[in-house]
C-alpha atoms as a PDB file:
ATOM      1  CA  UNK A   1     -58.700  35.266 -23.532  1.00  0.00           C
ATOM      2  CA  UNK A   2     -56.013  33.193 -24.523  1.00  0.00           C
ATOM      3  CA  UNK A   3     -53.096  34.291 -25.939  1.00  0.00           C
ATOM      4  CA  UNK A   4     -52.465  30.884 -28.106  1.00  0.00           C
ATOM      5  CA  UNK A   5     -51.712  31.813 -31.958  1.00  0.00           C
ATOM      6  CA  UNK A   6     -51.809  28.093 -33.820  1.00  0.00           C
ATOM      7  CA  UNK A   7     -53.987  27.509 -35.905  1.00  0.00           C
ATOM      8  CA  UNK A   8     -55.792  24.405 -35.951  1.00  0.00           C
ATOM      9  CA  UNK A   9     -54.119  22.412 -39.137  1.00  0.00           C
ATOM     10  CA  UNK A  10     -51.094  22.245 -37.301  1.00  0.00           C
ATOM     11  CA  UNK A  11     -52.710  20.383 -33.743  1.00  0.00           C
ATOM     12  CA  UNK A  12     -52.422  17.216 -36.328  1.00  0.00           C
ATOM     13  CA  UNK A  13     -48.859  17.077 -37.370  1.00  0.00           C
ATOM     14  CA  UNK A  14     -47.898  13.590 -39.086  1.00  0.00           C
ATOM     15  CA  UNK A  15     -45.527  11.699 -36.972  1.00  0.00           C
ATOM     16  CA  UNK A  16     -46.217   8.205 -38.359  1.00  0.00           C
ATOM     17  CA  UNK A  17     -45.007   8.268 -41.238  1.00  0.00           C
ATOM     18  CA  UNK A  18     -47.137   5.513 -42.252  1.00  0.00           C
ATOM     19  CA  UNK A  19     -46.966   3.599 -39.764  1.00  0.00           C
ATOM     20  CA  UNK A  20     -48.831   2.317 -36.912  1.00  0.00           C
ATOM     21  CA  UNK A  21     -48.880   2.587 -33.610  1.00  0.00           C
ATOM     22  CA  UNK A  22     -47.569  -1.441 -32.880  1.00  0.00           C
ATOM     23  CA  UNK A  23     -44.865  -1.403 -35.738  1.00  0.00           C
ATOM     24  CA  UNK A  24     -43.576   1.823 -34.012  1.00  0.00           C
ATOM     25  CA  UNK A  25     -43.464  -0.406 -30.667  1.00  0.00           C
ATOM     26  CA  UNK A  26     -42.077  -3.027 -31.916  1.00  0.00           C
ATOM     27  CA  UNK A  27     -39.376  -0.779 -33.723  1.00  0.00           C
ATOM     28  CA  UNK A  28     -38.803   1.280 -30.674  1.00  0.00           C
ATOM     29  CA  UNK A  29     -38.302  -2.552 -28.200  1.00  0.00           C
ATOM     30  CA  UNK A  30     -35.913  -3.729 -31.138  1.00  0.00           C
ATOM     31  CA  UNK A  31     -33.744  -0.581 -30.936  1.00  0.00           C
ATOM     32  CA  UNK A  32     -33.419  -0.356 -27.317  1.00  0.00           C
ATOM     33  CA  UNK A  33     -32.350  -3.937 -27.110  1.00  0.00           C
ATOM     34  CA  UNK A  34     -29.986  -3.192 -29.214  1.00  0.00           C
ATOM     35  CA  UNK A  35     -28.586  -0.364 -27.383  1.00  0.00           C
ATOM     36  CA  UNK A  36     -28.672  -2.157 -24.120  1.00  0.00           C
ATOM     37  CA  UNK A  37     -26.520  -4.998 -26.104  1.00  0.00           C
ATOM     38  CA  UNK A  38     -24.061  -2.399 -27.062  1.00  0.00           C
ATOM     39  CA  UNK A  39     -23.812  -0.657 -23.668  1.00  0.00           C
ATOM     40  CA  UNK A  40     -23.487  -4.155 -22.640  1.00  0.00           C
ATOM     41  CA  UNK A  41     -20.523  -5.360 -25.044  1.00  0.00           C
ATOM     42  CA  UNK A  42     -19.193  -1.285 -24.326  1.00  0.00           C
ATOM     43  CA  UNK A  43     -18.905  -2.000 -20.315  1.00  0.00           C
ATOM     44  CA  UNK A  44     -17.439  -5.441 -20.651  1.00  0.00           C
ATOM     45  CA  UNK A  45     -14.697  -4.098 -22.512  1.00  0.00           C
ATOM     46  CA  UNK A  46     -14.485  -1.075 -20.160  1.00  0.00           C
ATOM     47  CA  UNK A  47     -14.135  -3.784 -17.504  1.00  0.00           C
ATOM     48  CA  UNK A  48     -11.456  -5.469 -19.851  1.00  0.00           C
ATOM     49  CA  UNK A  49      -9.370  -2.701 -20.314  1.00  0.00           C
ATOM     50  CA  UNK A  50      -9.639  -2.026 -16.117  1.00  0.00           C
ATOM     51  CA  UNK A  51      -8.726  -5.335 -15.342  1.00  0.00           C
ATOM     52  CA  UNK A  52      -5.271  -4.909 -17.988  1.00  0.00           C
ATOM     53  CA  UNK A  53      -4.157  -1.263 -16.772  1.00  0.00           C
ATOM     54  CA  UNK A  54      -4.220  -2.458 -13.398  1.00  0.00           C
ATOM     55  CA  UNK A  55      -2.227  -5.461 -13.956  1.00  0.00           C
ATOM     56  CA  UNK A  56      -0.274  -4.049 -15.745  1.00  0.00           C
ATOM     57  CA  UNK A  57       0.792  -1.358 -12.997  1.00  0.00           C
ATOM     58  CA  UNK A  58       1.406  -3.852 -10.824  1.00  0.00           C
ATOM     59  CA  UNK A  59       4.030  -5.542 -12.757  1.00  0.00           C
ATOM     60  CA  UNK A  60       5.960  -2.503 -13.536  1.00  0.00           C
ATOM     61  CA  UNK A  61       6.257  -1.748 -10.151  1.00  0.00           C
ATOM     62  CA  UNK A  62       7.217  -5.316  -9.083  1.00  0.00           C
ATOM     63  CA  UNK A  63       9.785  -5.350 -11.739  1.00  0.00           C
ATOM     64  CA  UNK A  64      11.195  -1.673 -10.464  1.00  0.00           C
ATOM     65  CA  UNK A  65      10.995  -3.122  -6.812  1.00  0.00           C
ATOM     66  CA  UNK A  66      12.810  -6.944  -8.028  1.00  0.00           C
ATOM     67  CA  UNK A  67       9.774  -8.705  -6.225  1.00  0.00           C
ATOM     68  CA  UNK A  68       8.626 -11.840  -7.724  1.00  0.00           C
ATOM     69  CA  UNK A  69       5.400 -11.752 -10.393  1.00  0.00           C
ATOM     70  CA  UNK A  70       3.497 -14.167  -8.323  1.00  0.00           C
ATOM     71  CA  UNK A  71       3.188 -11.305  -5.921  1.00  0.00           C
ATOM     72  CA  UNK A  72       0.538  -9.701  -8.023  1.00  0.00           C
ATOM     73  CA  UNK A  73      -2.325 -11.788  -7.015  1.00  0.00           C
ATOM     74  CA  UNK A  74      -1.618 -11.224  -3.753  1.00  0.00           C
ATOM     75  CA  UNK A  75      -2.031  -7.111  -4.471  1.00  0.00           C
ATOM     76  CA  UNK A  76      -5.157  -7.444  -6.873  1.00  0.00           C
ATOM     77  CA  UNK A  77      -6.841  -9.067  -4.211  1.00  0.00           C
ATOM     78  CA  UNK A  78      -6.116  -6.393  -1.148  1.00  0.00           C
ATOM     79  CA  UNK A  79      -6.130  -3.448  -2.993  1.00  0.00           C
ATOM     80  CA  UNK A  80      -9.624  -1.605  -4.607  1.00  0.00           C
ATOM     81  CA  UNK A  81      -7.645   1.174  -5.962  1.00  0.00           C
ATOM     82  CA  UNK A  82      -4.642   0.376  -7.544  1.00  0.00           C
ATOM     83  CA  UNK A  83      -1.892   3.144  -8.570  1.00  0.00           C
ATOM     84  CA  UNK A  84       1.759   3.146  -8.266  1.00  0.00           C
ATOM     85  CA  UNK A  85       1.693   4.930  -4.969  1.00  0.00           C
ATOM     86  CA  UNK A  86      -0.614   2.021  -3.639  1.00  0.00           C
ATOM     87  CA  UNK A  87       1.447  -0.349  -4.575  1.00  0.00           C
ATOM     88  CA  UNK A  88       4.579   0.920  -3.228  1.00  0.00           C
ATOM     89  CA  UNK A  89       2.338   1.351  -0.085  1.00  0.00           C
ATOM     90  CA  UNK A  90       1.695  -2.242  -0.013  1.00  0.00           C
ATOM     91  CA  UNK A  91       5.034  -3.534  -0.956  1.00  0.00           C
ATOM     92  CA  UNK A  92       6.594  -1.533   2.126  1.00  0.00           C
ATOM     93  CA  UNK A  93       3.937  -2.865   4.803  1.00  0.00           C
ATOM     94  CA  UNK A  94       4.166  -6.354   3.284  1.00  0.00           C
ATOM     95  CA  UNK A  95       7.802  -6.236   2.252  1.00  0.00           C
ATOM     96  CA  UNK A  96       8.924  -9.109   5.463  1.00  0.00           C
ATOM     97  CA  UNK A  97       6.994 -11.594   3.195  1.00  0.00           C
ATOM     98  CA  UNK A  98       9.019 -11.177   0.249  1.00  0.00           C
ATOM     99  CA  UNK A  99      12.438 -10.639   1.517  1.00  0.00           C
ATOM    100  CA  UNK A 100      12.822  -7.136   0.231  1.00  0.00           C
ATOM    101  CA  UNK A 101      14.148  -3.871   1.706  1.00  0.00           C
ATOM    102  CA  UNK A 102      12.310  -0.833   1.875  1.00  0.00           C
ATOM    103  CA  UNK A 103      13.430   2.632   2.216  1.00  0.00           C
ATOM    104  CA  UNK A 104      12.308   2.623   5.760  1.00  0.00           C
ATOM    105  CA  UNK A 105      15.489   0.133   6.843  1.00  0.00           C
ATOM    106  CA  UNK A 106      18.519   1.113   5.247  1.00  0.00           C
ATOM    107  CA  UNK A 107      20.990  -1.652   4.551  1.00  0.00           C
ATOM    108  CA  UNK A 108      23.982  -2.248   7.582  1.00  0.00           C
ATOM    109  CA  UNK A 109      27.434  -1.765   6.283  1.00  0.00           C
ATOM    110  CA  UNK A 110      28.796  -5.456   8.232  1.00  0.00           C
ATOM    111  CA  UNK A 111      31.915  -3.440   8.955  1.00  0.00           C
ATOM    112  CA  UNK A 112      29.751  -0.838  11.120  1.00  0.00           C
ATOM    113  CA  UNK A 113      28.268  -4.083  12.611  1.00  0.00           C
ATOM    114  CA  UNK A 114      31.398  -4.877  13.299  1.00  0.00           C
ATOM    115  CA  UNK A 115      32.448  -2.028  15.165  1.00  0.00           C
ATOM    116  CA  UNK A 116      28.784  -1.712  17.181  1.00  0.00           C
ATOM    117  CA  UNK A 117      29.826  -5.124  18.257  1.00  0.00           C
ATOM    118  CA  UNK A 118      33.160  -4.631  19.326  1.00  0.00           C
ATOM    119  CA  UNK A 119      32.075  -1.493  21.202  1.00  0.00           C
ATOM    120  CA  UNK A 120      29.443  -3.256  22.858  1.00  0.00           C
ATOM    121  CA  UNK A 121      32.039  -5.952  23.571  1.00  0.00           C
ATOM    122  CA  UNK A 122      34.014  -3.315  25.483  1.00  0.00           C
ATOM    123  CA  UNK A 123      30.854  -1.645  27.104  1.00  0.00           C
ATOM    124  CA  UNK A 124      30.123  -4.524  28.825  1.00  0.00           C
ATOM    125  CA  UNK A 125      32.761  -4.683  31.545  1.00  0.00           C
ATOM    126  CA  UNK A 126      33.317  -1.397  31.990  1.00  0.00           C
ATOM    127  CA  UNK A 127      32.889   0.646  34.930  1.00  0.00           C
ATOM    128  CA  UNK A 128      30.724   3.501  34.903  1.00  0.00           C
ATOM    129  CA  UNK A 129      31.336   6.787  37.398  1.00  0.00           C
ATOM    130  CA  UNK A 130      28.882   5.566  40.074  1.00  0.00           C
ATOM    131  CA  UNK A 131      30.584   2.270  40.346  1.00  0.00           C
ATOM    132  CA  UNK A 132      33.905   3.794  40.948  1.00  0.00           C
ATOM    133  CA  UNK A 133      32.844   6.450  43.061  1.00  0.00           C
ATOM    134  CA  UNK A 134      31.034   4.250  45.287  1.00  0.00           C
ATOM    135  CA  UNK A 135      34.781   1.495  44.939  1.00  0.00           C
ATOM    136  CA  UNK A 136      36.339   4.282  45.795  1.00  0.00           C
ATOM    137  CA  UNK A 137      34.163   5.343  48.694  1.00  0.00           C
ATOM    138  CA  UNK A 138      33.964   1.966  50.585  1.00  0.00           C
ATOM    139  CA  UNK A 139      37.581   1.465  50.214  1.00  0.00           C
ATOM    140  CA  UNK A 140      37.734   4.889  52.131  1.00  0.00           C
ATOM    141  CA  UNK A 141      35.901   3.963  54.425  1.00  0.00           C
ATOM    142  CA  UNK A 142      37.919   0.705  54.899  1.00  0.00           C
ATOM    143  CA  UNK A 143      38.647  -0.071  58.968  1.00  0.00           C
ATOM    144  CA  UNK A 144      40.944  -3.269  57.924  1.00  0.00           C
ATOM    145  CA  UNK A 145      42.812  -4.762  55.534  1.00  0.00           C
ATOM    146  CA  UNK A 146      40.913  -7.827  55.373  1.00  0.00           C
ATOM    147  CA  UNK A 147      37.717  -5.279  54.218  1.00  0.00           C
ATOM    148  CA  UNK A 148      40.137  -4.078  51.846  1.00  0.00           C
ATOM    149  CA  UNK A 149      40.697  -7.887  50.665  1.00  0.00           C
ATOM    150  CA  UNK A 150      37.024  -8.187  50.282  1.00  0.00           C
ATOM    151  CA  UNK A 151      36.014  -5.160  48.762  1.00  0.00           C
ATOM    152  CA  UNK A 152      38.566  -6.012  45.762  1.00  0.00           C
ATOM    153  CA  UNK A 153      37.673  -9.893  45.475  1.00  0.00           C
ATOM    154  CA  UNK A 154      33.889  -8.387  44.829  1.00  0.00           C
ATOM    155  CA  UNK A 155      34.984  -6.648  41.980  1.00  0.00           C
ATOM    156  CA  UNK A 156      36.283  -9.746  40.036  1.00  0.00           C
END
């Protein structure tokens, strides 16, 4: 026993609206072509906006860092996902190409550098404790004046 409660009249719903099968297919194809064309236009617009956004992000970061805008071409080729962090990271990795200073390499004060050089000059000729002990031990163990003079001459 079947539980179908529709009438035979409802089986044949008129959906053609006076159109035969060929006209309907033609209209569907035309609508499909129009949709595909619109999708293509929107995809091209989206790609353009994304490219413009990426270029804008790169330009902003380069301006903040004071880097030549020509570097944008290299960054755009190297990076797929472009955002401020990625561009900053790329610049830090390639800082030597553009002569920029990174956060990892702070600027050294020239006064401090001069003081370090002076310190290095002083310590190059200095006598270390182990040398002093060796010298004292050799002097104490010397048995003649000639040996003492030889030890003194070797220290010059």
